[in-house]
Amino acid sequence: MKRNLEYEIMEEMAERYSTMYFSDVPVEEEDLQAMLLAATQAPSAYNEQPWRFFVAKTPQDKEMLMEYMMPSEKEWIAAAPVLILLAGNMGDTHNGLFNYWTAFDSGCAWGYLSLEAQRRGYVTHCIGSFDRVDLRSMFQQSENLELYGIVALGRPAASELTDKEKLMTRKTVNAVQLRRR
């Protein structure tokens, strides 16, 4: 479905939406690796590349992540074949200092992943309703690790394709000029 936009933008951006229901069709490993590679191409402050992606593909790994989600979230992403925990490492920097930009940079990487997913015919939905504190205790890699979201990845459920237009509604662009006081 082509959207009627005032200006031409990249097709993947114009068509991307956050699905509400996934089919259980598997994600091809080659596609998954390409999406993760796309994420690594995102810009980051000092090229720190602070993002970390923990990929859950097996039923056991997915269930482990879902244990930390709110019940309402679990219901509609249960069929997603892949869950990706998005984290950022705020330490481990080039100068040994706290990386203030970790969340910003990790969000950009997630955006790149979502656009590559869209290009390959997949859909995503990032979930923020989960117990970060308890889930973080599962990872012993770094005390500087912050958890930002769990990305559900897969193909859209057939029933959702008919409702796609409602999901793609966007606010208009409102240009705001900054003024000095």
Protein backbone atom coordinates (compact mmCIF):
# COMPACT_ATOMS: atom_id res chain seq x y z
CA MET A 1 0.00 0.00 0.00
CA LYS A 2 1.46 3.34 -1.05
CA ARG A 3 0.92 6.22 1.33
CA ASN A 4 0.17 9.69 0.06
CA LEU A 5 2.95 11.77 1.57
CA GLU A 6 3.64 15.44 1.00
CA TYR A 7 7.32 14.73 0.35
CA GLU A 8 9.05 11.67 -1.01
CA ILE A 9 10.94 9.68 1.63
CA MET A 10 12.55 6.27 1.72
CA GLU A 11 9.88 3.63 1.03
CA GLU A 12 10.79 1.58 4.13
CA MET A 13 10.19 4.62 6.32
CA ALA A 14 6.87 5.43 4.69
CA GLU A 15 5.63 1.82 4.98
CA ARG A 16 6.99 0.90 8.44
CA TYR A 17 4.54 0.32 11.25
CA SER A 18 4.48 -1.48 14.60
CA THR A 19 2.41 -4.59 14.23
CA MET A 20 -0.01 -5.74 16.89
CA TYR A 21 -0.12 -9.41 15.86
CA PHE A 22 2.51 -11.70 14.43
CA SER A 23 2.29 -14.88 12.39
CA ASP A 24 4.44 -17.80 13.49
CA VAL A 25 6.33 -17.94 10.15
CA PRO A 26 10.04 -18.28 11.04
CA VAL A 27 12.53 -15.49 10.42
CA GLU A 28 15.22 -16.65 8.01
CA GLU A 29 18.66 -16.69 9.66
CA GLU A 30 20.20 -14.79 6.75
CA ASP A 31 17.55 -12.07 7.12
CA LEU A 32 18.07 -11.87 10.89
CA GLN A 33 21.83 -11.48 10.49
CA ALA A 34 21.32 -8.77 7.85
CA MET A 35 18.96 -6.86 10.18
CA LEU A 36 21.50 -7.04 13.00
CA LEU A 37 24.23 -5.90 10.60
CA ALA A 38 22.04 -2.96 9.55
CA ALA A 39 21.72 -2.00 13.22
CA THR A 40 25.50 -1.90 13.57
CA GLN A 41 25.70 0.68 10.79
CA ALA A 42 23.93 3.31 12.91
CA PRO A 43 25.91 6.41 13.91
CA SER A 44 27.05 6.72 17.51
CA ALA A 45 28.90 9.25 19.64
CA TYR A 46 32.65 8.69 19.34
CA ASN A 47 31.79 5.55 17.34
CA GLU A 48 31.33 3.77 20.70
CA GLN A 49 28.54 1.57 19.28
CA PRO A 50 27.10 1.01 22.77
CA TRP A 51 24.10 -1.08 21.68
CA ARG A 52 23.81 -4.73 22.59
CA PHE A 53 21.27 -7.10 21.07
CA PHE A 54 20.38 -10.31 22.89
CA VAL A 55 18.48 -12.51 20.43
CA ALA A 56 15.90 -15.06 21.60
CA LYS A 57 14.83 -17.55 18.90
CA THR A 58 14.18 -20.76 20.81
CA PRO A 59 10.91 -21.24 22.68
CA GLN A 60 12.87 -21.44 25.94
CA ASP A 61 14.76 -18.18 25.36
CA LYS A 62 11.60 -16.37 24.25
CA GLU A 63 9.71 -17.64 27.31
CA MET A 64 12.53 -16.44 29.57
CA LEU A 65 12.19 -12.89 28.19
CA MET A 66 8.40 -13.02 28.27
CA GLU A 67 8.48 -13.85 31.99
CA TYR A 68 9.55 -10.24 32.60
CA MET A 69 6.82 -8.65 30.43
CA MET A 70 3.44 -7.34 31.47
CA PRO A 71 0.71 -9.94 30.81
CA SER A 72 -1.02 -7.76 28.20
CA GLU A 73 2.22 -7.55 26.17
CA LYS A 74 2.80 -11.32 26.21
CA GLU A 75 -0.60 -12.02 24.72
CA TRP A 76 -0.11 -10.35 21.38
CA ILE A 77 3.59 -11.06 20.76
CA ALA A 78 3.53 -14.75 21.74
CA ALA A 79 3.57 -15.84 18.09
CA ALA A 80 6.56 -13.63 17.13
CA PRO A 81 9.35 -16.01 16.09
CA VAL A 82 12.15 -13.74 17.38
CA LEU A 83 12.49 -11.46 20.39
CA ILE A 84 15.47 -9.13 20.70
CA LEU A 85 16.40 -7.49 23.97
CA LEU A 86 17.88 -4.06 23.20
CA ALA A 87 20.43 -2.84 25.71
CA GLY A 88 23.14 -0.22 25.88
CA ASN A 89 26.49 -0.26 27.63
CA MET A 90 27.01 3.09 29.35
CA GLY A 91 30.56 2.28 30.43
CA ASP A 92 33.37 0.60 28.55
CA THR A 93 34.07 3.81 26.62
CA HIS A 94 37.14 5.15 24.83
CA ASN A 95 37.91 7.50 27.72
CA GLY A 96 36.55 5.43 30.62
CA LEU A 97 33.77 7.94 31.30
CA PHE A 98 29.99 7.49 31.41
CA ASN A 99 28.47 7.50 27.90
CA TYR A 100 25.55 9.93 28.13
CA TRP A 101 24.49 9.15 24.53
CA THR A 102 23.99 5.39 24.96
CA ALA A 103 20.17 5.48 24.89
CA PHE A 104 20.11 7.85 21.93
CA ASP A 105 22.60 5.76 19.95
CA SER A 106 20.92 2.45 20.85
CA GLY A 107 17.59 3.86 19.73
CA CYS A 108 19.10 4.82 16.41
CA ALA A 109 20.46 1.27 15.98
CA TRP A 110 17.01 -0.16 16.73
CA GLY A 111 15.60 2.18 14.07
CA TYR A 112 18.06 0.88 11.49
CA LEU A 113 17.13 -2.70 12.42
CA SER A 114 13.41 -1.92 12.01
CA LEU A 115 13.93 -0.35 8.59
CA GLU A 116 15.93 -3.32 7.33
CA ALA A 117 13.23 -5.62 8.71
CA GLN A 118 10.62 -3.62 6.78
CA ARG A 119 12.72 -3.80 3.61
CA ARG A 120 12.84 -7.59 3.92
CA GLY A 121 9.09 -7.95 4.47
CA TYR A 122 9.14 -8.33 8.26
CA VAL A 123 7.49 -6.20 10.92
CA THR A 124 8.62 -5.18 14.39
CA HIS A 125 7.21 -3.85 17.59
CA CYS A 126 9.32 -2.56 20.47
CA ILE A 127 7.97 -3.27 23.94
CA GLY A 128 8.88 -1.11 26.89
CA SER A 129 6.62 -2.68 29.53
CA PHE A 130 8.89 -5.15 31.28
CA ASP A 131 10.75 -5.51 34.56
CA ARG A 132 14.17 -4.05 33.72
CA VAL A 133 15.64 -4.53 37.18
CA ASP A 134 14.93 -8.24 37.50
CA LEU A 135 15.76 -8.98 33.86
CA ARG A 136 19.03 -7.07 34.12
CA SER A 137 20.11 -9.43 36.91
CA MET A 138 20.12 -12.25 34.32
CA PHE A 139 23.11 -10.61 32.61
CA GLN A 140 26.45 -10.55 34.36
CA GLN A 141 28.32 -8.81 31.57
CA SER A 142 28.40 -5.30 32.94
CA GLU A 143 27.03 -3.20 35.74
CA ASN A 144 26.76 -0.44 33.12
CA LEU A 145 24.21 -2.31 31.01
CA GLU A 146 20.85 -0.54 30.59
CA LEU A 147 17.84 -2.36 29.12
CA TYR A 148 15.68 -0.29 26.79
CA GLY A 149 13.19 -2.52 25.01
CA ILE A 150 12.26 -5.94 23.75
CA VAL A 151 11.75 -6.01 19.99
CA ALA A 152 9.29 -8.57 18.63
CA LEU A 153 10.20 -9.52 15.06
CA GLY A 154 8.37 -11.57 12.44
CA ARG A 155 5.81 -11.47 9.67
CA PRO A 156 2.46 -9.80 10.28
CA ALA A 157 -0.56 -11.98 10.99
CA ALA A 158 -2.82 -12.26 7.96
CA SER A 159 -5.72 -10.59 9.79
CA GLU A 160 -3.60 -7.53 10.47
CA LEU A 161 -2.79 -6.84 6.84
CA THR A 162 -6.35 -5.60 6.29
CA ASP A 163 -6.03 -3.18 9.22
CA LYS A 164 -2.59 -1.88 8.25
CA GLU A 165 -3.78 1.63 7.36
CA LYS A 166 -5.04 2.27 10.91
CA LEU A 167 -1.69 1.23 12.31
CA MET A 168 0.23 3.54 9.99
CA THR A 169 -1.50 6.80 10.93
CA ARG A 170 1.13 9.47 11.62
CA LYS A 171 1.01 12.96 12.99
CA THR A 172 1.83 15.79 10.60
CA VAL A 173 5.19 17.50 10.63
CA ASN A 174 5.07 20.75 12.56
CA ALA A 175 8.17 22.80 11.94
CA VAL A 176 9.15 24.82 14.98
CA GLN A 177 11.68 27.60 14.87
CA LEU A 178 13.89 28.09 17.88
CA ARG A 179 13.95 31.65 19.10
CA ARG A 180 16.41 33.26 21.45
CA ARG A 181 14.99 34.88 24.52
